[in-house]
């Protein structure tokens, strides 16, 4: 599996290409085919031409896309995303969610994502798990979770309760 954290863990002294290449080989001694995989992963996240830039030269969304490319280049069937877009503004967050969803579909990946903004991904998810106090309280479709009218905690989390 590939893991992507909220802070994306890019190395500031390495180029974008080398940050992605770390997903293949930490020594950064890549074959021609592996370099082509790095280029393809950057193309998948629309960062072709950014290979030589450093993370400090990128926007937050671009840095996050570099981290996604590093996860993609590993070619694993499972991606674990831990609050990957929490630091992004709402528009960019929606863009990144759509990009991950498109890549998930293209590559037939399983994506497990922890989030605090379920309304942004719920409709895309095949399955949603609501976790409270370390326990899975609901594991169902997004529509079924929205219909969990008998669970005030879920309603509060989703912002469905009227404000007093």
N, C-alpha and C. Protein backbone atom coordinates (compact mmCIF):
# COMPACT_ATOMS: atom_id res chain seq x y z
N UNK A 1 0.84 -1.19 0.00
CA UNK A 1 0.00 0.00 0.00
C UNK A 1 0.88 1.25 0.00
N UNK A 2 0.29 2.35 -0.40
CA UNK A 2 0.96 3.65 -0.37
C UNK A 2 0.22 4.52 0.62
N UNK A 3 0.96 5.31 1.38
CA UNK A 3 0.36 6.16 2.41
C UNK A 3 0.66 7.62 2.10
N UNK A 4 -0.36 8.46 2.24
CA UNK A 4 -0.20 9.90 2.03
C UNK A 4 -0.76 10.61 3.25
N UNK A 5 0.07 11.40 3.92
CA UNK A 5 -0.33 12.13 5.11
C UNK A 5 -0.68 13.56 4.76
N UNK A 6 -1.33 14.23 5.68
CA UNK A 6 -1.76 15.61 5.47
C UNK A 6 -0.60 16.54 5.13
N UNK A 7 0.54 16.36 5.76
CA UNK A 7 1.67 17.28 5.53
C UNK A 7 2.55 16.86 4.35
N UNK A 8 2.17 15.85 3.64
CA UNK A 8 2.76 15.32 2.40
C UNK A 8 4.23 14.95 2.46
N UNK A 9 4.97 15.27 3.47
CA UNK A 9 6.34 14.77 3.69
C UNK A 9 7.26 14.88 2.49
N UNK A 10 7.30 16.04 1.86
CA UNK A 10 8.24 16.26 0.77
C UNK A 10 9.57 16.73 1.36
N UNK A 11 10.65 16.37 0.71
CA UNK A 11 11.97 16.79 1.15
C UNK A 11 12.32 18.09 0.42
N UNK A 12 12.53 19.18 1.17
CA UNK A 12 12.70 20.49 0.55
C UNK A 12 13.95 20.62 -0.32
N UNK A 13 14.99 19.83 -0.04
CA UNK A 13 16.24 19.93 -0.80
C UNK A 13 16.22 19.11 -2.08
N UNK A 14 15.17 18.31 -2.28
CA UNK A 14 15.07 17.47 -3.48
C UNK A 14 14.13 18.10 -4.49
N UNK A 15 14.36 17.81 -5.74
CA UNK A 15 13.48 18.27 -6.80
C UNK A 15 12.15 17.52 -6.74
N UNK A 16 11.18 18.01 -7.47
CA UNK A 16 9.89 17.33 -7.57
C UNK A 16 10.10 15.90 -8.07
N UNK A 17 10.88 15.75 -9.14
CA UNK A 17 11.12 14.41 -9.70
C UNK A 17 11.75 13.49 -8.67
N UNK A 18 12.73 13.98 -7.92
CA UNK A 18 13.38 13.14 -6.92
C UNK A 18 12.45 12.81 -5.76
N UNK A 19 11.59 13.76 -5.37
CA UNK A 19 10.61 13.46 -4.33
C UNK A 19 9.69 12.34 -4.77
N UNK A 20 9.29 12.34 -6.02
CA UNK A 20 8.44 11.27 -6.54
C UNK A 20 9.24 9.97 -6.65
N UNK A 21 10.48 10.07 -7.12
CA UNK A 21 11.34 8.89 -7.30
C UNK A 21 11.58 8.14 -6.00
N UNK A 22 11.50 8.84 -4.88
CA UNK A 22 11.67 8.17 -3.58
C UNK A 22 10.65 7.05 -3.40
N UNK A 23 9.50 7.17 -4.07
CA UNK A 23 8.48 6.13 -3.99
C UNK A 23 8.91 4.83 -4.64
N UNK A 24 9.89 4.92 -5.52
CA UNK A 24 10.40 3.72 -6.20
C UNK A 24 11.65 3.20 -5.51
N UNK A 25 12.60 4.12 -5.30
CA UNK A 25 13.90 3.69 -4.77
C UNK A 25 14.50 4.83 -3.95
N UNK A 26 14.66 4.63 -2.64
CA UNK A 26 15.23 5.67 -1.78
C UNK A 26 16.62 6.14 -2.19
N UNK A 27 17.37 5.30 -2.87
CA UNK A 27 18.72 5.70 -3.31
C UNK A 27 18.67 6.68 -4.46
N UNK A 28 17.50 6.80 -5.10
CA UNK A 28 17.28 7.67 -6.26
C UNK A 28 18.09 7.24 -7.48
N UNK A 29 18.63 6.04 -7.47
CA UNK A 29 19.35 5.50 -8.63
C UNK A 29 18.35 4.69 -9.45
N UNK A 30 17.67 5.38 -10.36
CA UNK A 30 16.60 4.79 -11.13
C UNK A 30 17.03 4.39 -12.53
N UNK A 31 16.42 3.35 -13.02
CA UNK A 31 16.64 2.94 -14.41
C UNK A 31 15.85 3.89 -15.31
N UNK A 32 16.07 3.78 -16.59
CA UNK A 32 15.34 4.61 -17.55
C UNK A 32 13.84 4.34 -17.43
N UNK A 33 13.45 3.09 -17.31
CA UNK A 33 12.04 2.74 -17.16
C UNK A 33 11.43 3.33 -15.89
N UNK A 34 12.19 3.33 -14.81
CA UNK A 34 11.70 3.91 -13.56
C UNK A 34 11.57 5.43 -13.68
N UNK A 35 12.49 6.07 -14.37
CA UNK A 35 12.39 7.53 -14.62
C UNK A 35 11.13 7.82 -15.44
N UNK A 36 10.83 6.95 -16.39
CA UNK A 36 9.61 7.12 -17.19
C UNK A 36 8.37 6.98 -16.32
N UNK A 37 8.41 6.10 -15.33
CA UNK A 37 7.28 5.96 -14.39
C UNK A 37 7.10 7.23 -13.59
N UNK A 38 8.20 7.88 -13.19
CA UNK A 38 8.12 9.15 -12.46
C UNK A 38 7.47 10.20 -13.35
N UNK A 39 7.90 10.28 -14.60
CA UNK A 39 7.32 11.25 -15.53
C UNK A 39 5.84 10.99 -15.75
N UNK A 40 5.46 9.72 -15.86
CA UNK A 40 4.05 9.36 -16.07
C UNK A 40 3.21 9.72 -14.85
N UNK A 41 3.75 9.48 -13.64
CA UNK A 41 3.01 9.82 -12.42
C UNK A 41 2.82 11.33 -12.32
N UNK A 42 3.84 12.10 -12.68
CA UNK A 42 3.69 13.56 -12.67
C UNK A 42 2.69 14.02 -13.73
N UNK A 43 2.66 13.36 -14.86
CA UNK A 43 1.66 13.69 -15.89
C UNK A 43 0.26 13.37 -15.37
N UNK A 44 0.12 12.27 -14.64
CA UNK A 44 -1.19 11.88 -14.08
C UNK A 44 -1.76 12.94 -13.15
N UNK A 45 -0.88 13.67 -12.47
CA UNK A 45 -1.34 14.72 -11.54
C UNK A 45 -1.15 16.11 -12.14
N UNK A 46 -0.95 16.16 -13.45
CA UNK A 46 -0.82 17.40 -14.21
C UNK A 46 0.33 18.28 -13.73
N UNK A 47 1.49 17.65 -13.50
CA UNK A 47 2.69 18.40 -13.10
C UNK A 47 3.87 18.15 -14.05
N UNK A 48 3.58 17.78 -15.28
CA UNK A 48 4.66 17.66 -16.27
C UNK A 48 5.30 19.04 -16.42
N UNK A 49 6.62 19.07 -16.48
CA UNK A 49 7.34 20.33 -16.60
C UNK A 49 7.77 20.90 -15.25
N UNK A 50 7.36 20.28 -14.16
CA UNK A 50 7.72 20.74 -12.81
C UNK A 50 8.83 19.90 -12.20
N UNK A 51 9.38 18.97 -12.96
CA UNK A 51 10.33 18.00 -12.43
C UNK A 51 11.50 18.61 -11.68
N UNK A 52 12.04 19.73 -12.13
CA UNK A 52 13.25 20.30 -11.53
C UNK A 52 12.97 21.29 -10.40
N UNK A 53 11.73 21.64 -10.20
CA UNK A 53 11.41 22.59 -9.13
C UNK A 53 11.55 21.95 -7.76
N UNK A 54 11.75 22.81 -6.77
CA UNK A 54 11.81 22.38 -5.38
C UNK A 54 10.42 22.62 -4.75
N UNK A 55 10.09 21.89 -3.69
CA UNK A 55 8.78 22.05 -3.05
C UNK A 55 8.45 23.49 -2.67
N UNK A 56 9.44 24.28 -2.26
CA UNK A 56 9.19 25.66 -1.86
C UNK A 56 8.70 26.53 -3.03
N UNK A 57 8.93 26.08 -4.24
CA UNK A 57 8.52 26.83 -5.42
C UNK A 57 7.10 26.47 -5.86
N UNK A 58 6.43 25.60 -5.13
CA UNK A 58 5.11 25.09 -5.50
C UNK A 58 4.03 25.62 -4.57
N UNK A 59 2.82 25.66 -5.07
CA UNK A 59 1.67 25.98 -4.22
C UNK A 59 1.34 24.77 -3.35
N UNK A 60 0.47 24.96 -2.37
CA UNK A 60 0.06 23.85 -1.51
C UNK A 60 -0.56 22.71 -2.29
N UNK A 61 -1.40 23.04 -3.26
CA UNK A 61 -2.03 22.01 -4.07
C UNK A 61 -1.04 21.27 -4.94
N UNK A 62 -0.05 21.99 -5.46
CA UNK A 62 0.98 21.35 -6.27
C UNK A 62 1.82 20.41 -5.42
N UNK A 63 2.17 20.85 -4.21
CA UNK A 63 2.93 19.97 -3.31
C UNK A 63 2.13 18.71 -3.00
N UNK A 64 0.85 18.87 -2.79
CA UNK A 64 0.01 17.71 -2.50
C UNK A 64 -0.04 16.77 -3.71
N UNK A 65 -0.06 17.33 -4.90
CA UNK A 65 -0.07 16.50 -6.11
C UNK A 65 1.25 15.76 -6.28
N UNK A 66 2.37 16.37 -5.87
CA UNK A 66 3.66 15.67 -5.89
C UNK A 66 3.58 14.46 -4.96
N UNK A 67 3.01 14.65 -3.79
CA UNK A 67 2.89 13.53 -2.84
C UNK A 67 1.98 12.44 -3.40
N UNK A 68 0.92 12.82 -4.09
CA UNK A 68 0.05 11.83 -4.73
C UNK A 68 0.82 11.09 -5.82
N UNK A 69 1.61 11.81 -6.61
CA UNK A 69 2.41 11.17 -7.65
C UNK A 69 3.38 10.17 -7.03
N UNK A 70 3.98 10.51 -5.90
CA UNK A 70 4.90 9.58 -5.23
C UNK A 70 4.15 8.32 -4.80
N UNK A 71 2.92 8.48 -4.32
CA UNK A 71 2.13 7.31 -3.94
C UNK A 71 1.75 6.50 -5.17
N UNK A 72 1.40 7.18 -6.26
CA UNK A 72 1.00 6.48 -7.49
C UNK A 72 2.15 5.72 -8.13
N UNK A 73 3.34 6.28 -8.09
CA UNK A 73 4.48 5.66 -8.76
C UNK A 73 4.84 4.32 -8.13
N UNK A 74 4.40 4.11 -6.91
CA UNK A 74 4.67 2.84 -6.25
C UNK A 74 3.84 1.71 -6.85
N UNK A 75 2.76 2.07 -7.57
CA UNK A 75 1.91 1.09 -8.26
C UNK A 75 1.35 0.03 -7.32
N UNK A 76 0.91 0.45 -6.17
CA UNK A 76 0.28 -0.47 -5.21
C UNK A 76 -1.23 -0.37 -5.38
N UNK A 77 -1.97 -1.44 -5.11
CA UNK A 77 -3.43 -1.41 -5.32
C UNK A 77 -4.21 -0.68 -4.23
N UNK A 78 -3.54 -0.32 -3.13
CA UNK A 78 -4.21 0.33 -2.02
C UNK A 78 -3.50 1.63 -1.67
N UNK A 79 -4.27 2.72 -1.57
CA UNK A 79 -3.73 4.00 -1.11
C UNK A 79 -4.41 4.37 0.20
N UNK A 80 -3.62 4.68 1.21
CA UNK A 80 -4.13 5.13 2.50
C UNK A 80 -3.87 6.63 2.59
N UNK A 81 -4.92 7.41 2.70
CA UNK A 81 -4.80 8.86 2.75
C UNK A 81 -5.30 9.35 4.09
N UNK A 82 -4.41 9.93 4.88
CA UNK A 82 -4.74 10.42 6.22
C UNK A 82 -4.91 11.93 6.18
N UNK A 83 -6.15 12.40 6.17
CA UNK A 83 -6.46 13.83 6.10
C UNK A 83 -5.58 14.52 5.06
N UNK A 84 -5.56 14.02 3.84
CA UNK A 84 -4.60 14.52 2.86
C UNK A 84 -4.86 15.94 2.37
N UNK A 85 -6.08 16.42 2.51
CA UNK A 85 -6.42 17.72 1.93
C UNK A 85 -6.89 18.74 2.97
N UNK A 86 -6.73 18.42 4.24
CA UNK A 86 -7.23 19.26 5.31
C UNK A 86 -6.67 20.68 5.32
N UNK A 87 -5.44 20.86 4.87
CA UNK A 87 -4.80 22.18 4.91
C UNK A 87 -5.10 23.02 3.67
N UNK A 88 -5.86 22.46 2.73
CA UNK A 88 -6.14 23.18 1.49
C UNK A 88 -7.44 23.96 1.59
N UNK A 89 -7.54 25.03 0.79
CA UNK A 89 -8.79 25.79 0.78
C UNK A 89 -9.88 24.93 0.12
N UNK A 90 -11.16 25.26 0.37
CA UNK A 90 -12.26 24.40 -0.11
C UNK A 90 -12.24 24.11 -1.61
N UNK A 91 -11.96 25.10 -2.43
CA UNK A 91 -11.94 24.87 -3.87
C UNK A 91 -10.84 23.91 -4.29
N UNK A 92 -9.65 24.12 -3.75
CA UNK A 92 -8.52 23.26 -4.07
C UNK A 92 -8.75 21.85 -3.51
N UNK A 93 -9.36 21.78 -2.34
CA UNK A 93 -9.66 20.48 -1.74
C UNK A 93 -10.60 19.68 -2.67
N UNK A 94 -11.64 20.33 -3.18
CA UNK A 94 -12.56 19.65 -4.09
C UNK A 94 -11.84 19.20 -5.36
N UNK A 95 -10.94 20.05 -5.87
CA UNK A 95 -10.18 19.70 -7.06
C UNK A 95 -9.31 18.47 -6.80
N UNK A 96 -8.65 18.43 -5.66
CA UNK A 96 -7.76 17.31 -5.33
C UNK A 96 -8.57 16.02 -5.12
N UNK A 97 -9.72 16.14 -4.49
CA UNK A 97 -10.57 14.96 -4.29
C UNK A 97 -11.01 14.41 -5.64
N UNK A 98 -11.41 15.29 -6.56
CA UNK A 98 -11.82 14.84 -7.90
C UNK A 98 -10.65 14.18 -8.62
N UNK A 99 -9.45 14.73 -8.46
CA UNK A 99 -8.27 14.17 -9.12
C UNK A 99 -7.97 12.77 -8.58
N UNK A 100 -8.01 12.61 -7.26
CA UNK A 100 -7.76 11.29 -6.66
C UNK A 100 -8.84 10.31 -7.10
N UNK A 101 -10.09 10.76 -7.16
CA UNK A 101 -11.17 9.88 -7.59
C UNK A 101 -10.96 9.43 -9.03
N UNK A 102 -10.57 10.35 -9.91
CA UNK A 102 -10.33 9.99 -11.32
C UNK A 102 -9.18 8.99 -11.42
N UNK A 103 -8.11 9.21 -10.67
CA UNK A 103 -6.97 8.29 -10.70
C UNK A 103 -7.36 6.93 -10.11
N UNK A 104 -8.20 6.96 -9.08
CA UNK A 104 -8.68 5.71 -8.47
C UNK A 104 -9.42 4.88 -9.52
N UNK A 105 -10.26 5.54 -10.27
CA UNK A 105 -11.04 4.82 -11.28
C UNK A 105 -10.15 4.34 -12.44
N UNK A 106 -9.24 5.20 -12.90
CA UNK A 106 -8.34 4.83 -14.00
C UNK A 106 -7.48 3.61 -13.66
N UNK A 107 -6.98 3.60 -12.45
CA UNK A 107 -6.02 2.56 -12.05
C UNK A 107 -6.64 1.44 -11.23
N UNK A 108 -7.95 1.47 -11.04
CA UNK A 108 -8.66 0.46 -10.25
C UNK A 108 -8.04 0.31 -8.86
N UNK A 109 -7.84 1.44 -8.19
CA UNK A 109 -7.24 1.46 -6.85
C UNK A 109 -8.32 1.40 -5.78
N UNK A 110 -7.94 0.87 -4.64
CA UNK A 110 -8.75 1.00 -3.44
C UNK A 110 -8.15 2.16 -2.66
N UNK A 111 -8.99 3.13 -2.30
CA UNK A 111 -8.52 4.30 -1.55
C UNK A 111 -9.25 4.32 -0.21
N UNK A 112 -8.48 4.33 0.86
CA UNK A 112 -9.02 4.46 2.20
C UNK A 112 -8.57 5.82 2.71
N UNK A 113 -9.55 6.69 3.02
CA UNK A 113 -9.24 8.07 3.35
C UNK A 113 -9.89 8.47 4.67
N UNK A 114 -9.10 9.04 5.57
CA UNK A 114 -9.68 9.63 6.77
C UNK A 114 -9.90 11.11 6.48
N UNK A 115 -11.08 11.61 6.84
CA UNK A 115 -11.42 13.00 6.55
C UNK A 115 -12.31 13.56 7.65
N UNK A 116 -12.38 14.88 7.69
CA UNK A 116 -13.30 15.57 8.58
C UNK A 116 -14.32 16.38 7.79
N UNK A 117 -14.31 16.21 6.48
CA UNK A 117 -15.26 16.90 5.60
C UNK A 117 -15.97 15.86 4.73
N UNK A 118 -16.82 15.03 5.34
CA UNK A 118 -17.40 13.90 4.60
C UNK A 118 -18.29 14.31 3.43
N UNK A 119 -18.90 15.47 3.51
CA UNK A 119 -19.78 15.90 2.43
C UNK A 119 -19.02 16.05 1.11
N UNK A 120 -17.72 16.26 1.18
CA UNK A 120 -16.93 16.45 -0.04
C UNK A 120 -16.59 15.15 -0.75
N UNK A 121 -16.59 14.04 -0.04
CA UNK A 121 -16.22 12.78 -0.67
C UNK A 121 -17.31 11.72 -0.56
N UNK A 122 -18.29 11.94 0.26
CA UNK A 122 -19.31 10.92 0.51
C UNK A 122 -19.94 10.37 -0.75
N UNK A 123 -20.33 11.25 -1.66
CA UNK A 123 -21.00 10.79 -2.88
C UNK A 123 -20.08 10.00 -3.78
N UNK A 124 -18.77 10.15 -3.64
CA UNK A 124 -17.82 9.42 -4.47
C UNK A 124 -17.49 8.04 -3.88
N UNK A 125 -17.68 7.90 -2.60
CA UNK A 125 -17.25 6.69 -1.91
C UNK A 125 -18.21 5.53 -2.14
N UNK A 126 -17.64 4.35 -2.32
CA UNK A 126 -18.45 3.15 -2.40
C UNK A 126 -18.96 2.77 -1.02
N UNK A 127 -18.15 3.06 -0.02
CA UNK A 127 -18.48 2.69 1.35
C UNK A 127 -17.95 3.77 2.28
N UNK A 128 -18.75 4.14 3.28
CA UNK A 128 -18.37 5.17 4.25
C UNK A 128 -18.42 4.54 5.63
N UNK A 129 -17.40 4.78 6.42
CA UNK A 129 -17.40 4.32 7.81
C UNK A 129 -17.38 5.54 8.71
N UNK A 130 -18.31 5.60 9.64
CA UNK A 130 -18.33 6.67 10.63
C UNK A 130 -17.71 6.09 11.90
N UNK A 131 -16.61 6.71 12.35
CA UNK A 131 -15.88 6.23 13.51
C UNK A 131 -16.00 7.26 14.62
N UNK A 132 -16.40 6.81 15.80
CA UNK A 132 -16.50 7.68 16.96
C UNK A 132 -15.89 6.96 18.17
N UNK A 133 -15.06 7.67 18.89
CA UNK A 133 -14.40 7.12 20.07
C UNK A 133 -13.72 5.78 19.79
N UNK A 134 -13.07 5.71 18.62
CA UNK A 134 -12.29 4.54 18.27
C UNK A 134 -13.08 3.34 17.79
N UNK A 135 -14.38 3.50 17.58
CA UNK A 135 -15.18 2.37 17.12
C UNK A 135 -15.97 2.76 15.88
N UNK A 136 -16.11 1.79 14.98
CA UNK A 136 -16.92 2.01 13.78
C UNK A 136 -18.38 1.95 14.20
N UNK A 137 -19.05 3.09 14.06
CA UNK A 137 -20.48 3.17 14.45
C UNK A 137 -21.40 2.85 13.29
N UNK A 138 -20.98 3.22 12.09
CA UNK A 138 -21.76 2.93 10.88
C UNK A 138 -20.77 2.58 9.77
N UNK A 139 -21.11 1.60 8.96
CA UNK A 139 -20.35 1.26 7.77
C UNK A 139 -21.38 0.95 6.70
N UNK A 140 -21.53 1.91 5.77
CA UNK A 140 -22.64 1.83 4.83
C UNK A 140 -22.38 2.77 3.65
N UNK A 141 -23.36 2.90 2.79
CA UNK A 141 -23.24 3.86 1.70
C UNK A 141 -23.43 5.27 2.25
N UNK A 142 -23.05 6.27 1.47
CA UNK A 142 -23.23 7.67 1.86
C UNK A 142 -24.71 7.97 2.08
N UNK A 143 -25.55 7.49 1.20
CA UNK A 143 -27.00 7.73 1.31
C UNK A 143 -27.53 7.12 2.61
N UNK A 144 -27.07 5.93 2.93
CA UNK A 144 -27.51 5.29 4.18
C UNK A 144 -27.02 6.06 5.40
N UNK A 145 -25.81 6.60 5.33
CA UNK A 145 -25.32 7.39 6.46
C UNK A 145 -26.14 8.66 6.63
N UNK A 146 -26.46 9.30 5.52
CA UNK A 146 -27.29 10.49 5.60
C UNK A 146 -28.66 10.19 6.18
N UNK A 147 -29.12 8.98 5.97
CA UNK A 147 -30.44 8.58 6.46
C UNK A 147 -30.40 8.08 7.91
N UNK A 148 -29.24 8.11 8.54
CA UNK A 148 -29.11 7.63 9.93
C UNK A 148 -29.75 8.64 10.88
N UNK A 149 -31.04 8.86 10.66
CA UNK A 149 -31.77 9.89 11.40
C UNK A 149 -31.87 9.60 12.90
N UNK A 150 -31.70 8.35 13.28
CA UNK A 150 -31.82 8.01 14.70
C UNK A 150 -30.52 8.22 15.47
N UNK A 151 -29.47 8.61 14.80
CA UNK A 151 -28.18 8.79 15.46
C UNK A 151 -27.84 10.28 15.50
N UNK A 152 -28.11 10.90 16.64
CA UNK A 152 -27.85 12.33 16.81
C UNK A 152 -26.40 12.70 16.66
N UNK A 153 -25.49 11.81 17.05
CA UNK A 153 -24.06 12.08 16.92
C UNK A 153 -23.67 12.22 15.45
N UNK A 154 -24.18 11.33 14.60
CA UNK A 154 -23.91 11.40 13.16
C UNK A 154 -24.52 12.67 12.59
N UNK A 155 -25.75 12.97 12.99
CA UNK A 155 -26.41 14.19 12.50
C UNK A 155 -25.61 15.42 12.88
N UNK A 156 -25.10 15.48 14.10
CA UNK A 156 -24.31 16.62 14.54
C UNK A 156 -23.02 16.72 13.73
N UNK A 157 -22.34 15.58 13.54
CA UNK A 157 -21.10 15.57 12.78
C UNK A 157 -21.33 16.05 11.36
N UNK A 158 -22.41 15.63 10.76
CA UNK A 158 -22.70 16.00 9.38
C UNK A 158 -23.32 17.39 9.25
N UNK A 159 -23.60 18.02 10.39
CA UNK A 159 -24.20 19.36 10.36
C UNK A 159 -25.67 19.36 10.00
N UNK A 160 -26.35 18.26 10.31
CA UNK A 160 -27.76 18.13 9.96
C UNK A 160 -28.70 18.57 11.08
N UNK A 161 -28.17 18.79 12.27
CA UNK A 161 -29.02 19.24 13.38
C UNK A 161 -29.19 20.75 13.32
N UNK A 162 -30.38 21.23 13.65
CA UNK A 162 -30.57 22.69 13.67
C UNK A 162 -29.72 23.33 14.76
N UNK A 163 -29.22 24.51 14.49
CA UNK A 163 -28.41 25.24 15.46
C UNK A 163 -29.35 25.87 16.47
N UNK A 164 -29.06 25.66 17.74
CA UNK A 164 -29.94 26.17 18.81
C UNK A 164 -29.64 27.62 19.11
